[in-house]
Amino acid sequence: MISAQAWADARLLWDYHRMHHTPRPCSVAVGLGSHDLGVADVTAELYHQGMAPVIVFTGATSPTTRARMPRGEAVHYRERALQLGVPDSAVLLEPRATNTGENIEFAKAVLAEAGVAVSSVLLVSKPYEERRSYAMTRKLWPEVEVVCASTPMGLEEYADSIGDARMVIDMIVGALQRVLIFPGWGLAVEQAVPDTVVAAYERLRDQGFTSRLIPDAAQRT
């Protein structure tokens, strides 16, 4: 059972993670691999809206996605986009990345090899990964403008769509931890985190929503 307080705290983190950008035309759309095929759906919709002339889907597999996407996240995303009417000629594939840093670096390499000039990136992720992905892209790809996009859902609706509310809250908590610690590791730009958000994060952590946290022993400072 997830308490009313835990839901309230999770909603606070959810709202913080969303960057609330208005989509606009960019050089490329980059769909970040994950367990959520909704990322491919949003990327395809933005393509059809004329927001990007080319798409890069990036991602291998992880413990979370291996059973759902045995051919790899980027491959399954591409298949979904083609089903939704995106032409094969508009999709580039990056099937090796196993974390967000690699998503960014490897997508850059794929675009360079394809000769695509990039001045702006429409970065498509899960809703609760917008802020962390934005901060990492600004650090690792500082020469481009970054516009974030994700499935336009509230927390409860999104959790229902995934079918595992506790996993979603665990991931929201893990994403906030990374927003806090990644700047010190040189992996992301610093961002202001309101005290209310930190307090909600700490309450959720103390209530056991910890499966996606990086263990203390692994936290380089």
Protein backbone atom coordinates (compact mmCIF):
# COMPACT_ATOMS: atom_id res chain seq x y z
CA MET A 1 0.00 0.00 0.00
CA ILE A 2 1.32 3.44 -0.94
CA SER A 3 0.32 6.08 1.59
CA ALA A 4 -1.37 9.38 0.77
CA GLN A 5 1.76 11.19 1.96
CA ALA A 6 3.97 9.12 -0.36
CA TRP A 7 1.72 9.93 -3.32
CA ALA A 8 1.81 13.63 -2.41
CA ASP A 9 5.61 13.58 -2.16
CA ALA A 10 5.90 11.67 -5.43
CA ARG A 11 3.69 14.23 -7.18
CA LEU A 12 5.95 17.01 -5.89
CA LEU A 13 9.00 15.27 -7.37
CA TRP A 14 7.10 14.49 -10.58
CA ASP A 15 6.27 18.16 -11.10
CA TYR A 16 9.87 19.16 -10.41
CA HIS A 17 11.25 16.64 -12.88
CA ARG A 18 9.11 18.04 -15.69
CA MET A 19 10.86 20.93 -17.45
CA HIS A 20 7.59 22.30 -18.88
CA HIS A 21 9.20 23.22 -22.20
CA THR A 22 7.02 24.04 -25.18
CA PRO A 23 8.07 21.83 -28.12
CA ARG A 24 9.54 23.73 -31.06
CA PRO A 25 11.32 22.70 -34.26
CA CYS A 26 14.84 21.37 -33.61
CA SER A 27 17.65 19.87 -35.68
CA VAL A 28 16.98 16.37 -34.37
CA ALA A 29 14.78 14.45 -31.96
CA VAL A 30 16.63 12.07 -29.64
CA GLY A 31 14.50 9.36 -28.04
CA LEU A 32 16.21 8.08 -24.90
CA GLY A 33 15.88 4.33 -24.43
CA SER A 34 13.95 2.95 -21.46
CA HIS A 35 11.25 0.46 -20.52
CA ASP A 36 8.57 2.89 -21.70
CA LEU A 37 7.46 2.65 -25.35
CA GLY A 38 5.60 5.91 -24.77
CA VAL A 39 8.90 7.66 -25.50
CA ALA A 40 8.74 6.31 -29.06
CA ASP A 41 5.08 7.34 -29.35
CA VAL A 42 5.83 10.93 -28.32
CA THR A 43 8.88 11.10 -30.60
CA ALA A 44 6.82 9.88 -33.56
CA GLU A 45 4.06 12.39 -32.82
CA LEU A 46 6.58 15.25 -32.65
CA TYR A 47 8.09 14.12 -35.95
CA HIS A 48 4.66 14.20 -37.59
CA GLN A 49 4.15 17.70 -36.17
CA GLY A 50 7.29 18.84 -38.00
CA MET A 51 9.34 19.33 -34.84
CA ALA A 52 12.39 17.46 -36.18
CA PRO A 53 13.39 16.13 -39.62
CA VAL A 54 15.37 13.21 -38.22
CA ILE A 55 15.14 10.97 -35.16
CA VAL A 56 17.83 9.11 -33.23
CA PHE A 57 16.64 6.28 -31.00
CA THR A 58 19.33 5.29 -28.54
CA GLY A 59 19.57 2.41 -26.07
CA ALA A 60 20.67 -1.19 -25.60
CA THR A 61 19.03 -3.22 -22.82
CA SER A 62 19.02 -3.09 -19.03
CA PRO A 63 17.68 -5.34 -16.27
CA THR A 64 14.44 -3.35 -16.50
CA THR A 65 14.05 -3.73 -20.27
CA ARG A 66 15.63 -7.06 -21.16
CA ALA A 67 12.40 -9.06 -20.92
CA ARG A 68 10.20 -6.38 -22.52
CA MET A 69 12.60 -5.35 -25.26
CA PRO A 70 14.85 -8.30 -26.03
CA ARG A 71 16.09 -6.77 -29.30
CA GLY A 72 17.17 -3.61 -27.51
CA GLU A 73 15.41 -0.39 -26.57
CA ALA A 74 16.40 1.58 -29.67
CA VAL A 75 15.32 -1.26 -31.97
CA HIS A 76 11.92 -1.59 -30.32
CA TYR A 77 11.47 2.20 -30.38
CA ARG A 78 12.27 2.26 -34.09
CA GLU A 79 9.79 -0.53 -34.80
CA ARG A 80 7.12 1.37 -32.89
CA ALA A 81 7.84 4.62 -34.76
CA LEU A 82 7.62 2.86 -38.11
CA GLN A 83 4.25 1.39 -37.05
CA LEU A 84 3.16 4.97 -36.35
CA GLY A 85 4.05 6.11 -39.84
CA VAL A 86 7.54 7.55 -39.43
CA PRO A 87 9.55 6.74 -42.58
CA ASP A 88 12.55 4.51 -42.14
CA SER A 89 14.72 7.13 -43.85
CA ALA A 90 14.07 9.54 -40.96
CA VAL A 91 15.28 7.20 -38.19
CA LEU A 92 18.86 6.67 -37.08
CA LEU A 93 19.65 3.86 -34.64
CA GLU A 94 22.11 3.83 -31.76
CA PRO A 95 21.84 0.37 -30.14
CA ARG A 96 24.80 0.31 -27.70
CA ALA A 97 24.14 2.85 -24.95
CA THR A 98 23.47 1.48 -21.47
CA ASN A 99 23.08 4.76 -19.56
CA THR A 100 22.07 8.35 -20.24
CA GLY A 101 25.62 9.59 -20.64
CA GLU A 102 26.22 6.99 -23.34
CA ASN A 103 22.85 7.82 -24.92
CA ILE A 104 24.06 11.38 -25.42
CA GLU A 105 27.63 10.65 -26.47
CA PHE A 106 26.74 7.80 -28.82
CA ALA A 107 23.83 9.72 -30.37
CA LYS A 108 26.23 12.58 -31.10
CA ALA A 109 28.57 10.15 -32.84
CA VAL A 110 25.77 8.62 -34.94
CA LEU A 111 24.62 12.06 -36.05
CA ALA A 112 28.17 13.15 -36.91
CA GLU A 113 28.71 9.98 -38.95
CA ALA A 114 25.44 10.63 -40.81
CA GLY A 115 26.50 14.20 -41.52
CA VAL A 116 23.60 15.77 -39.64
CA ALA A 117 24.36 19.30 -38.45
CA VAL A 118 22.93 19.82 -34.97
CA SER A 119 22.27 23.15 -33.27
CA SER A 120 19.25 22.07 -31.22
CA VAL A 121 17.97 18.81 -29.77
CA LEU A 122 14.41 17.79 -28.99
CA LEU A 123 15.16 15.45 -26.09
CA VAL A 124 12.39 12.90 -25.54
CA SER A 125 12.39 10.88 -22.32
CA LYS A 126 10.13 9.49 -19.65
CA PRO A 127 8.36 12.35 -17.83
CA TYR A 128 10.35 11.99 -14.62
CA GLU A 129 13.65 11.91 -16.52
CA GLU A 130 13.27 15.27 -18.25
CA ARG A 131 15.28 17.33 -15.76
CA ARG A 132 18.13 14.85 -15.29
CA SER A 133 18.41 14.25 -19.03
CA TYR A 134 18.38 17.99 -19.67
CA ALA A 135 21.14 18.60 -17.12
CA MET A 136 23.31 15.82 -18.52
CA THR A 137 22.85 16.95 -22.12
CA ARG A 138 23.72 20.54 -21.22
CA LYS A 139 26.94 19.23 -19.64
CA LEU A 140 27.93 16.68 -22.28
CA TRP A 141 26.68 18.54 -25.37
CA PRO A 142 26.93 22.21 -24.32
CA GLU A 143 26.97 23.64 -27.83
CA VAL A 144 23.35 22.69 -28.57
CA GLU A 145 20.05 24.05 -27.32
CA VAL A 146 17.94 21.45 -25.53
CA VAL A 147 14.14 21.26 -25.57
CA CYS A 148 12.60 18.51 -23.43
CA ALA A 149 9.47 16.52 -24.20
CA SER A 150 7.69 13.51 -22.72
CA THR A 151 4.30 11.86 -22.44
CA PRO A 152 1.80 14.51 -21.25
CA MET A 153 0.38 12.62 -18.27
CA GLY A 154 -0.06 13.16 -14.57
CA LEU A 155 1.68 10.83 -12.13
CA GLU A 156 -1.28 8.56 -11.35
CA GLU A 157 -2.24 8.17 -15.01
CA TYR A 158 1.36 7.43 -15.92
CA ALA A 159 1.75 4.87 -13.12
CA ASP A 160 -1.43 3.15 -14.29
CA SER A 161 -0.07 3.03 -17.86
CA ILE A 162 3.12 1.34 -16.64
CA GLY A 163 1.28 -1.03 -14.31
CA ASP A 164 3.66 -0.76 -11.36
CA ALA A 165 3.20 2.35 -9.22
CA ARG A 166 5.89 1.43 -6.74
CA MET A 167 8.49 1.01 -9.49
CA VAL A 168 7.54 4.40 -10.92
CA ILE A 169 7.95 6.10 -7.54
CA ASP A 170 11.25 4.28 -7.00
CA MET A 171 12.42 5.65 -10.34
CA ILE A 172 11.24 9.17 -9.53
CA VAL A 173 13.28 9.03 -6.31
CA GLY A 174 16.32 7.67 -8.14
CA ALA A 175 16.10 10.41 -10.75
CA LEU A 176 16.07 13.09 -8.05
CA GLN A 177 19.13 11.56 -6.38
CA ARG A 178 20.99 11.86 -9.68
CA VAL A 179 19.93 15.50 -10.12
CA LEU A 180 21.49 16.12 -6.71
CA ILE A 181 24.75 14.20 -7.08
CA PHE A 182 25.63 14.15 -10.78
CA PRO A 183 26.88 17.76 -10.94
CA GLY A 184 29.56 16.85 -8.40
CA TRP A 185 30.61 13.95 -10.60
CA GLY A 186 30.98 16.19 -13.64
CA LEU A 187 28.05 14.49 -15.40
CA ALA A 188 25.43 17.25 -15.28
CA VAL A 189 24.99 20.97 -14.87
CA GLU A 190 23.94 22.24 -11.45
CA GLN A 191 20.25 22.97 -10.96
CA ALA A 192 18.37 24.61 -8.11
CA VAL A 193 16.41 22.06 -6.09
CA PRO A 194 13.78 23.57 -3.76
CA ASP A 195 13.96 22.56 -0.12
CA THR A 196 10.42 21.19 -0.36
CA VAL A 197 11.51 18.83 -3.13
CA VAL A 198 14.54 17.66 -1.15
CA ALA A 199 12.36 17.05 1.90
CA ALA A 200 9.86 15.02 -0.16
CA TYR A 201 12.74 13.01 -1.65
CA GLU A 202 14.13 12.26 1.81
CA ARG A 203 10.73 11.15 3.11
CA LEU A 204 10.25 8.78 0.19
CA ARG A 205 13.77 7.45 0.58
CA ASP A 206 13.21 6.86 4.29
CA GLN A 207 9.95 5.02 3.52
CA GLY A 208 11.85 2.52 1.40
CA PHE A 209 11.45 3.80 -2.16
CA THR A 210 15.08 2.98 -2.74
CA SER A 211 15.44 0.32 -5.43
CA ARG A 212 16.72 2.85 -8.01
CA LEU A 213 19.11 4.69 -5.72
CA ILE A 214 22.84 4.53 -6.29
CA PRO A 215 24.26 2.89 -3.15
CA ASP A 216 26.24 5.16 -0.84
CA ALA A 217 29.40 3.13 -1.46
CA ALA A 218 29.23 3.97 -5.15
CA GLN A 219 28.73 7.70 -4.70
CA ARG A 220 31.96 9.44 -5.70
CA THR A 221 32.26 12.95 -4.33
